[in-house]
Amino acid sequence: ERLAVETSHPSWLIARWINAFGVDETTAFARA
């Protein structure tokens, strides 16, 4: 939820990206 709010993405989308690509890749992607 913290990353979802920080980057303004739905939580479910952040969760599926973390599952597919890992936390670091998701964080960098969402911020970009």
PDB file of all heavy atoms in Angstrom:
ATOM      1  N   GLU A   1       0.833  -1.204   0.000  1.00  0.00           N
ATOM      2  CA  GLU A   1       0.000   0.000   0.000  1.00  0.00           C
ATOM      3  C   GLU A   1       0.865   1.251   0.000  1.00  0.00           C
ATOM      4  O   GLU A   1       0.548   2.247  -0.667  1.00  0.00           O
ATOM      5  CB  GLU A   1      -0.923   0.012   1.224  1.00  0.00           C
ATOM      6  CG  GLU A   1      -1.861   1.217   1.239  1.00  0.00           C
ATOM      7  CD  GLU A   1      -2.711   1.307   2.497  1.00  0.00           C
ATOM      8  OE1 GLU A   1      -2.597   0.407   3.356  1.00  0.00           O
ATOM      9  OE2 GLU A   1      -3.469   2.287   2.611  1.00  0.00           O
ATOM     10  N   ARG A   2       1.969   1.195   0.713  1.00  0.00           N
ATOM     11  CA  ARG A   2       2.864   2.355   0.782  1.00  0.00           C
ATOM     12  C   ARG A   2       3.417   2.695  -0.601  1.00  0.00           C
ATOM     13  O   ARG A   2       3.418   3.857  -1.015  1.00  0.00           O
ATOM     14  CB  ARG A   2       3.999   2.063   1.766  1.00  0.00           C
ATOM     15  CG  ARG A   2       4.915   3.256   2.038  1.00  0.00           C
ATOM     16  CD  ARG A   2       6.009   2.870   3.030  1.00  0.00           C
ATOM     17  NE  ARG A   2       6.893   3.981   3.271  1.00  0.00           N
ATOM     18  CZ  ARG A   2       6.696   4.930   4.187  1.00  0.00           C
ATOM     19  NH1 ARG A   2       5.619   4.879   4.946  1.00  0.00           N
ATOM     20  NH2 ARG A   2       7.559   5.922   4.340  1.00  0.00           N
ATOM     21  N   LEU A   3       3.893   1.675  -1.322  1.00  0.00           N
ATOM     22  CA  LEU A   3       4.411   1.916  -2.665  1.00  0.00           C
ATOM     23  C   LEU A   3       3.286   2.345  -3.613  1.00  0.00           C
ATOM     24  O   LEU A   3       3.498   3.181  -4.494  1.00  0.00           O
ATOM     25  CB  LEU A   3       5.102   0.657  -3.195  1.00  0.00           C
ATOM     26  CG  LEU A   3       5.758   0.775  -4.576  1.00  0.00           C
ATOM     27  CD1 LEU A   3       6.807   1.890  -4.601  1.00  0.00           C
ATOM     28  CD2 LEU A   3       6.392  -0.556  -4.976  1.00  0.00           C
ATOM     29  N   ALA A   4       2.087   1.773  -3.414  1.00  0.00           N
ATOM     30  CA  ALA A   4       0.951   2.139  -4.255  1.00  0.00           C
ATOM     31  C   ALA A   4       0.616   3.618  -4.106  1.00  0.00           C
ATOM     32  O   ALA A   4       0.391   4.327  -5.096  1.00  0.00           O
ATOM     33  CB  ALA A   4      -0.256   1.283  -3.910  1.00  0.00           C
ATOM     34  N   VAL A   5       0.591   4.108  -2.870  1.00  0.00           N
ATOM     35  CA  VAL A   5       0.265   5.517  -2.644  1.00  0.00           C
ATOM     36  C   VAL A   5       1.413   6.407  -3.102  1.00  0.00           C
ATOM     37  O   VAL A   5       1.194   7.440  -3.758  1.00  0.00           O
ATOM     38  CB  VAL A   5      -0.063   5.770  -1.160  1.00  0.00           C
ATOM     39  CG1 VAL A   5      -0.242   7.274  -0.897  1.00  0.00           C
ATOM     40  CG2 VAL A   5      -1.327   5.021  -0.755  1.00  0.00           C
ATOM     41  N   GLU A   6       2.631   6.001  -2.790  1.00  0.00           N
ATOM     42  CA  GLU A   6       3.795   6.803  -3.194  1.00  0.00           C
ATOM     43  C   GLU A   6       3.811   7.043  -4.699  1.00  0.00           C
ATOM     44  O   GLU A   6       4.068   8.153  -5.172  1.00  0.00           O
ATOM     45  CB  GLU A   6       5.092   6.108  -2.780  1.00  0.00           C
ATOM     46  CG  GLU A   6       6.345   6.863  -3.226  1.00  0.00           C
ATOM     47  CD  GLU A   6       7.568   5.977  -3.354  1.00  0.00           C
ATOM     48  OE1 GLU A   6       7.650   4.952  -2.658  1.00  0.00           O
ATOM     49  OE2 GLU A   6       8.448   6.315  -4.184  1.00  0.00           O
ATOM     50  N   THR A   7       3.534   5.989  -5.470  1.00  0.00           N
ATOM     51  CA  THR A   7       3.635   6.071  -6.926  1.00  0.00           C
ATOM     52  C   THR A   7       2.282   6.222  -7.613  1.00  0.00           C
ATOM     53  O   THR A   7       2.228   6.283  -8.840  1.00  0.00           O
ATOM     54  CB  THR A   7       4.335   4.817  -7.478  1.00  0.00           C
ATOM     55  OG1 THR A   7       3.548   3.658  -7.171  1.00  0.00           O
ATOM     56  CG2 THR A   7       5.728   4.670  -6.885  1.00  0.00           C
ATOM     57  N   SER A   8       1.203   6.268  -6.822  1.00  0.00           N
ATOM     58  CA  SER A   8      -0.155   6.419  -7.369  1.00  0.00           C
ATOM     59  C   SER A   8      -0.500   5.331  -8.381  1.00  0.00           C
ATOM     60  O   SER A   8      -0.781   5.601  -9.558  1.00  0.00           O
ATOM     61  CB  SER A   8      -0.332   7.811  -7.997  1.00  0.00           C
ATOM     62  OG  SER A   8      -0.494   8.787  -7.013  1.00  0.00           O
ATOM     63  N   HIS A   9      -0.461   4.093  -7.916  1.00  0.00           N
ATOM     64  CA  HIS A   9      -0.924   2.942  -8.691  1.00  0.00           C
ATOM     65  C   HIS A   9      -1.882   2.138  -7.805  1.00  0.00           C
ATOM     66  O   HIS A   9      -1.748   2.141  -6.584  1.00  0.00           O
ATOM     67  CB  HIS A   9       0.238   2.018  -9.088  1.00  0.00           C
ATOM     68  CG  HIS A   9       1.158   2.583 -10.113  1.00  0.00           C
ATOM     69  ND1 HIS A   9       2.128   3.509  -9.807  1.00  0.00           N
ATOM     70  CD2 HIS A   9       1.284   2.334 -11.447  1.00  0.00           C
ATOM     71  CE1 HIS A   9       2.807   3.803 -10.909  1.00  0.00           C
ATOM     72  NE2 HIS A   9       2.314   3.114 -11.909  1.00  0.00           N
ATOM     73  N   PRO A  10      -2.833   1.422  -8.393  1.00  0.00           N
ATOM     74  CA  PRO A  10      -3.685   0.542  -7.589  1.00  0.00           C
ATOM     75  C   PRO A  10      -2.847  -0.514  -6.866  1.00  0.00           C
ATOM     76  O   PRO A  10      -1.881  -1.044  -7.428  1.00  0.00           O
ATOM     77  CB  PRO A  10      -4.602  -0.111  -8.628  1.00  0.00           C
ATOM     78  CG  PRO A  10      -4.565   0.798  -9.808  1.00  0.00           C
ATOM     79  CD  PRO A  10      -3.201   1.404  -9.819  1.00  0.00           C
ATOM     80  N   SER A  11      -3.216  -0.838  -5.654  1.00  0.00           N
ATOM     81  CA  SER A  11      -2.446  -1.804  -4.862  1.00  0.00           C
ATOM     82  C   SER A  11      -2.361  -3.160  -5.550  1.00  0.00           C
ATOM     83  O   SER A  11      -1.335  -3.830  -5.505  1.00  0.00           O
ATOM     84  CB  SER A  11      -3.074  -1.960  -3.469  1.00  0.00           C
ATOM     85  OG  SER A  11      -2.951  -0.772  -2.735  1.00  0.00           O
ATOM     86  N   TRP A  12      -3.463  -3.588  -6.201  1.00  0.00           N
ATOM     87  CA  TRP A  12      -3.461  -4.912  -6.841  1.00  0.00           C
ATOM     88  C   TRP A  12      -2.439  -4.965  -7.976  1.00  0.00           C
ATOM     89  O   TRP A  12      -1.827  -6.017  -8.212  1.00  0.00           O
ATOM     90  CB  TRP A  12      -4.850  -5.276  -7.340  1.00  0.00           C
ATOM     91  CG  TRP A  12      -5.330  -4.512  -8.548  1.00  0.00           C
ATOM     92  CD1 TRP A  12      -6.078  -3.373  -8.540  1.00  0.00           C
ATOM     93  CD2 TRP A  12      -5.094  -4.835  -9.925  1.00  0.00           C
ATOM     94  NE1 TRP A  12      -6.327  -2.955  -9.831  1.00  0.00           N
ATOM     95  CE2 TRP A  12      -5.729  -3.832 -10.692  1.00  0.00           C
ATOM     96  CE3 TRP A  12      -4.416  -5.864 -10.570  1.00  0.00           C
ATOM     97  CZ2 TRP A  12      -5.706  -3.829 -12.090  1.00  0.00           C
ATOM     98  CZ3 TRP A  12      -4.392  -5.868 -11.967  1.00  0.00           C
ATOM     99  CH2 TRP A  12      -5.021  -4.872 -12.714  1.00  0.00           C
ATOM    100  N   LEU A  13      -2.244  -3.832  -8.658  1.00  0.00           N
ATOM    101  CA  LEU A  13      -1.290  -3.805  -9.761  1.00  0.00           C
ATOM    102  C   LEU A  13       0.142  -3.858  -9.229  1.00  0.00           C
ATOM    103  O   LEU A  13       0.992  -4.584  -9.766  1.00  0.00           O
ATOM    104  CB  LEU A  13      -1.510  -2.535 -10.588  1.00  0.00           C
ATOM    105  CG  LEU A  13      -0.999  -2.513 -12.028  1.00  0.00           C
ATOM    106  CD1 LEU A  13      -1.472  -3.721 -12.822  1.00  0.00           C
ATOM    107  CD2 LEU A  13      -1.438  -1.223 -12.708  1.00  0.00           C
ATOM    108  N   ILE A  14       0.400  -3.114  -8.161  1.00  0.00           N
ATOM    109  CA  ILE A  14       1.717  -3.173  -7.531  1.00  0.00           C
ATOM    110  C   ILE A  14       2.016  -4.587  -7.042  1.00  0.00           C
ATOM    111  O   ILE A  14       3.124  -5.120  -7.239  1.00  0.00           O
ATOM    112  CB  ILE A  14       1.796  -2.178  -6.352  1.00  0.00           C
ATOM    113  CG1 ILE A  14       1.743  -0.726  -6.854  1.00  0.00           C
ATOM    114  CG2 ILE A  14       3.053  -2.413  -5.516  1.00  0.00           C
ATOM    115  CD1 ILE A  14       2.945  -0.286  -7.646  1.00  0.00           C
ATOM    116  N   ALA A  15       1.032  -5.232  -6.439  1.00  0.00           N
ATOM    117  CA  ALA A  15       1.224  -6.585  -5.899  1.00  0.00           C
ATOM    118  C   ALA A  15       1.550  -7.579  -7.012  1.00  0.00           C
ATOM    119  O   ALA A  15       2.439  -8.426  -6.860  1.00  0.00           O
ATOM    120  CB  ALA A  15      -0.024  -7.030  -5.136  1.00  0.00           C
ATOM    121  N   ARG A  16       0.861  -7.507  -8.150  1.00  0.00           N
ATOM    122  CA  ARG A  16       1.120  -8.460  -9.227  1.00  0.00           C
ATOM    123  C   ARG A  16       2.479  -8.205  -9.860  1.00  0.00           C
ATOM    124  O   ARG A  16       3.161  -9.140 -10.270  1.00  0.00           O
ATOM    125  CB  ARG A  16      -0.001  -8.462 -10.252  1.00  0.00           C
ATOM    126  CG  ARG A  16      -0.145  -7.222 -11.088  1.00  0.00           C
ATOM    127  CD  ARG A  16      -1.218  -7.375 -12.164  1.00  0.00           C
ATOM    128  NE  ARG A  16      -0.752  -8.208 -13.253  1.00  0.00           N
ATOM    129  CZ  ARG A  16      -1.227  -9.408 -13.550  1.00  0.00           C
ATOM    130  NH1 ARG A  16      -2.180  -9.934 -12.845  1.00  0.00           N
ATOM    131  NH2 ARG A  16      -0.741 -10.090 -14.560  1.00  0.00           N
ATOM    132  N   TRP A  17       2.909  -6.934  -9.952  1.00  0.00           N
ATOM    133  CA  TRP A  17       4.231  -6.646 -10.502  1.00  0.00           C
ATOM    134  C   TRP A  17       5.334  -7.164  -9.574  1.00  0.00           C
ATOM    135  O   TRP A  17       6.337  -7.691 -10.045  1.00  0.00           O
ATOM    136  CB  TRP A  17       4.391  -5.147 -10.718  1.00  0.00           C
ATOM    137  CG  TRP A  17       3.590  -4.621 -11.868  1.00  0.00           C
ATOM    138  CD1 TRP A  17       3.005  -5.341 -12.879  1.00  0.00           C
ATOM    139  CD2 TRP A  17       3.259  -3.250 -12.120  1.00  0.00           C
ATOM    140  NE1 TRP A  17       2.339  -4.505 -13.745  1.00  0.00           N
ATOM    141  CE2 TRP A  17       2.472  -3.223 -13.313  1.00  0.00           C
ATOM    142  CE3 TRP A  17       3.531  -2.051 -11.473  1.00  0.00           C
ATOM    143  CZ2 TRP A  17       1.990  -2.025 -13.848  1.00  0.00           C
ATOM    144  CZ3 TRP A  17       3.045  -0.865 -11.999  1.00  0.00           C
ATOM    145  CH2 TRP A  17       2.285  -0.861 -13.189  1.00  0.00           C
ATOM    146  N   ILE A  18       5.131  -7.005  -8.283  1.00  0.00           N
ATOM    147  CA  ILE A  18       6.121  -7.531  -7.332  1.00  0.00           C
ATOM    148  C   ILE A  18       6.228  -9.043  -7.477  1.00  0.00           C
ATOM    149  O   ILE A  18       7.334  -9.613  -7.461  1.00  0.00           O
ATOM    150  CB  ILE A  18       5.755  -7.139  -5.892  1.00  0.00           C
ATOM    151  CG1 ILE A  18       5.976  -5.627  -5.683  1.00  0.00           C
ATOM    152  CG2 ILE A  18       6.578  -7.941  -4.881  1.00  0.00           C
ATOM    153  CD1 ILE A  18       5.523  -5.126  -4.329  1.00  0.00           C
ATOM    154  N   ASN A  19       5.096  -9.707  -7.637  1.00  0.00           N
ATOM    155  CA  ASN A  19       5.092 -11.155  -7.814  1.00  0.00           C
ATOM    156  C   ASN A  19       5.806 -11.571  -9.094  1.00  0.00           C
ATOM    157  O   ASN A  19       6.486 -12.605  -9.137  1.00  0.00           O
ATOM    158  CB  ASN A  19       3.653 -11.667  -7.825  1.00  0.00           C
ATOM    159  CG  ASN A  19       3.571 -13.175  -7.920  1.00  0.00           C
ATOM    160  OD1 ASN A  19       4.074 -13.890  -7.061  1.00  0.00           O
ATOM    161  ND2 ASN A  19       2.936 -13.674  -8.973  1.00  0.00           N
ATOM    162  N   ALA A  20       5.659 -10.773 -10.146  1.00  0.00           N
ATOM    163  CA  ALA A  20       6.251 -11.122 -11.444  1.00  0.00           C
ATOM    164  C   ALA A  20       7.691 -10.675 -11.587  1.00  0.00           C
ATOM    165  O   ALA A  20       8.522 -11.379 -12.179  1.00  0.00           O
ATOM    166  CB  ALA A  20       5.412 -10.510 -12.572  1.00  0.00           C
ATOM    167  N   PHE A  21       8.034  -9.499 -11.048  1.00  0.00           N
ATOM    168  CA  PHE A  21       9.339  -8.902 -11.330  1.00  0.00           C
ATOM    169  C   PHE A  21      10.196  -8.617 -10.102  1.00  0.00           C
ATOM    170  O   PHE A  21      11.376  -8.258 -10.248  1.00  0.00           O
ATOM    171  CB  PHE A  21       9.138  -7.580 -12.101  1.00  0.00           C
ATOM    172  CG  PHE A  21       8.242  -7.696 -13.295  1.00  0.00           C
ATOM    173  CD1 PHE A  21       7.055  -6.982 -13.363  1.00  0.00           C
ATOM    174  CD2 PHE A  21       8.560  -8.533 -14.354  1.00  0.00           C
ATOM    175  CE1 PHE A  21       6.209  -7.079 -14.465  1.00  0.00           C
ATOM    176  CE2 PHE A  21       7.729  -8.643 -15.455  1.00  0.00           C
ATOM    177  CZ  PHE A  21       6.549  -7.921 -15.516  1.00  0.00           C
ATOM    178  N   GLY A  22       9.631  -8.748  -8.909  1.00  0.00           N
ATOM    179  CA  GLY A  22      10.380  -8.449  -7.701  1.00  0.00           C
ATOM    180  C   GLY A  22      10.168  -7.018  -7.238  1.00  0.00           C
ATOM    181  O   GLY A  22       9.687  -6.161  -7.985  1.00  0.00           O
ATOM    182  N   VAL A  23      10.548  -6.762  -6.001  1.00  0.00           N
ATOM    183  CA  VAL A  23      10.310  -5.449  -5.385  1.00  0.00           C
ATOM    184  C   VAL A  23      11.119  -4.354  -6.057  1.00  0.00           C
ATOM    185  O   VAL A  23      10.595  -3.276  -6.363  1.00  0.00           O
ATOM    186  CB  VAL A  23      10.635  -5.498  -3.876  1.00  0.00           C
ATOM    187  CG1 VAL A  23      10.541  -4.096  -3.266  1.00  0.00           C
ATOM    188  CG2 VAL A  23       9.690  -6.443  -3.150  1.00  0.00           C
ATOM    189  N   ASP A  24      12.404  -4.590  -6.290  1.00  0.00           N
ATOM    190  CA  ASP A  24      13.263  -3.534  -6.836  1.00  0.00           C
ATOM    191  C   ASP A  24      12.821  -3.107  -8.237  1.00  0.00           C
ATOM    192  O   ASP A  24      12.744  -1.910  -8.534  1.00  0.00           O
ATOM    193  CB  ASP A  24      14.716  -3.997  -6.858  1.00  0.00           C
ATOM    194  CG  ASP A  24      15.308  -4.160  -5.466  1.00  0.00           C
ATOM    195  OD1 ASP A  24      14.708  -3.613  -4.518  1.00  0.00           O
ATOM    196  OD2 ASP A  24      16.347  -4.832  -5.329  1.00  0.00           O
ATOM    197  N   GLU A  25      12.536  -4.097  -9.097  1.00  0.00           N
ATOM    198  CA  GLU A  25      12.109  -3.778 -10.462  1.00  0.00           C
ATOM    199  C   GLU A  25      10.775  -3.040 -10.441  1.00  0.00           C
ATOM    200  O   GLU A  25      10.581  -2.051 -11.166  1.00  0.00           O
ATOM    201  CB  GLU A  25      11.980  -5.060 -11.278  1.00  0.00           C
ATOM    202  CG  GLU A  25      11.833  -4.834 -12.770  1.00  0.00           C
ATOM    203  CD  GLU A  25      13.177  -4.730 -13.478  1.00  0.00           C
ATOM    204  OE1 GLU A  25      13.717  -3.602 -13.555  1.00  0.00           O
ATOM    205  OE2 GLU A  25      13.675  -5.757 -13.939  1.00  0.00           O
ATOM    206  N   THR A  26       9.862  -3.511  -9.606  1.00  0.00           N
ATOM    207  CA  THR A  26       8.547  -2.871  -9.518  1.00  0.00           C
ATOM    208  C   THR A  26       8.663  -1.441  -9.031  1.00  0.00           C
ATOM    209  O   THR A  26       8.010  -0.531  -9.563  1.00  0.00           O
ATOM    210  CB  THR A  26       7.626  -3.675  -8.587  1.00  0.00           C
ATOM    211  OG1 THR A  26       7.412  -4.973  -9.145  1.00  0.00           O
ATOM    212  CG2 THR A  26       6.291  -2.978  -8.384  1.00  0.00           C
ATOM    213  N   THR A  27       9.480  -1.227  -8.008  1.00  0.00           N
ATOM    214  CA  THR A  27       9.647   0.126  -7.471  1.00  0.00           C
ATOM    215  C   THR A  27      10.205   1.067  -8.523  1.00  0.00           C
ATOM    216  O   THR A  27       9.693   2.186  -8.714  1.00  0.00           O
ATOM    217  CB  THR A  27      10.575   0.096  -6.253  1.00  0.00           C
ATOM    218  OG1 THR A  27      10.017  -0.761  -5.237  1.00  0.00           O
ATOM    219  CG2 THR A  27      10.761   1.495  -5.672  1.00  0.00           C
ATOM    220  N   ALA A  28      11.230   0.625  -9.224  1.00  0.00           N
ATOM    221  CA  ALA A  28      11.837   1.467 -10.257  1.00  0.00           C
ATOM    222  C   ALA A  28      10.852   1.735 -11.391  1.00  0.00           C
ATOM    223  O   ALA A  28      10.756   2.862 -11.898  1.00  0.00           O
ATOM    224  CB  ALA A  28      13.101   0.801 -10.793  1.00  0.00           C
ATOM    225  N   PHE A  29      10.121   0.714 -11.795  1.00  0.00           N
ATOM    226  CA  PHE A  29       9.149   0.849 -12.876  1.00  0.00           C
ATOM    227  C   PHE A  29       8.021   1.791 -12.477  1.00  0.00           C
ATOM    228  O   PHE A  29       7.653   2.710 -13.232  1.00  0.00           O
ATOM    229  CB  PHE A  29       8.607  -0.532 -13.236  1.00  0.00           C
ATOM    230  CG  PHE A  29       7.494  -0.532 -14.243  1.00  0.00           C
ATOM    231  CD1 PHE A  29       7.605   0.158 -15.445  1.00  0.00           C
ATOM    232  CD2 PHE A  29       6.313  -1.234 -14.002  1.00  0.00           C
ATOM    233  CE1 PHE A  29       6.567   0.153 -16.384  1.00  0.00           C
ATOM    234  CE2 PHE A  29       5.279  -1.251 -14.928  1.00  0.00           C
ATOM    235  CZ  PHE A  29       5.407  -0.551 -16.113  1.00  0.00           C
ATOM    236  N   ALA A  30       7.450   1.586 -11.302  1.00  0.00           N
ATOM    237  CA  ALA A  30       6.319   2.410 -10.857  1.00  0.00           C
ATOM    238  C   ALA A  30       6.731   3.874 -10.719  1.00  0.00           C
ATOM    239  O   ALA A  30       5.967   4.782 -11.081  1.00  0.00           O
ATOM    240  CB  ALA A  30       5.774   1.880  -9.532  1.00  0.00           C
ATOM    241  N   ARG A  31       7.916   4.118 -10.209  1.00  0.00           N
ATOM    242  CA  ARG A  31       8.384   5.504 -10.091  1.00  0.00           C
ATOM    243  C   ARG A  31       8.612   6.120 -11.461  1.00  0.00           C
ATOM    244  O   ARG A  31       8.287   7.289 -11.690  1.00  0.00           O
ATOM    245  CB  ARG A  31       9.665   5.546  -9.259  1.00  0.00           C
ATOM    246  CG  ARG A  31       9.431   5.295  -7.768  1.00  0.00           C
ATOM    247  CD  ARG A  31      10.719   5.198  -6.987  1.00  0.00           C
ATOM    248  NE  ARG A  31      10.467   5.035  -5.544  1.00  0.00           N
ATOM    249  CZ  ARG A  31      11.393   4.709  -4.658  1.00  0.00           C
ATOM    250  NH1 ARG A  31      12.657   4.504  -5.052  1.00  0.00           N
ATOM    251  NH2 ARG A  31      11.082   4.598  -3.381  1.00  0.00           N
ATOM    252  N   ALA A  32       9.145   5.338 -12.381  1.00  0.00           N
ATOM    253  CA  ALA A  32       9.383   5.850 -13.737  1.00  0.00           C
ATOM    254  C   ALA A  32       8.078   6.206 -14.439  1.00  0.00           C
ATOM    255  O   ALA A  32       8.044   7.104 -15.291  1.00  0.00           O
ATOM    256  CB  ALA A  32      10.160   4.828 -14.562  1.00  0.00           C
TER     257      ALA A  32
END
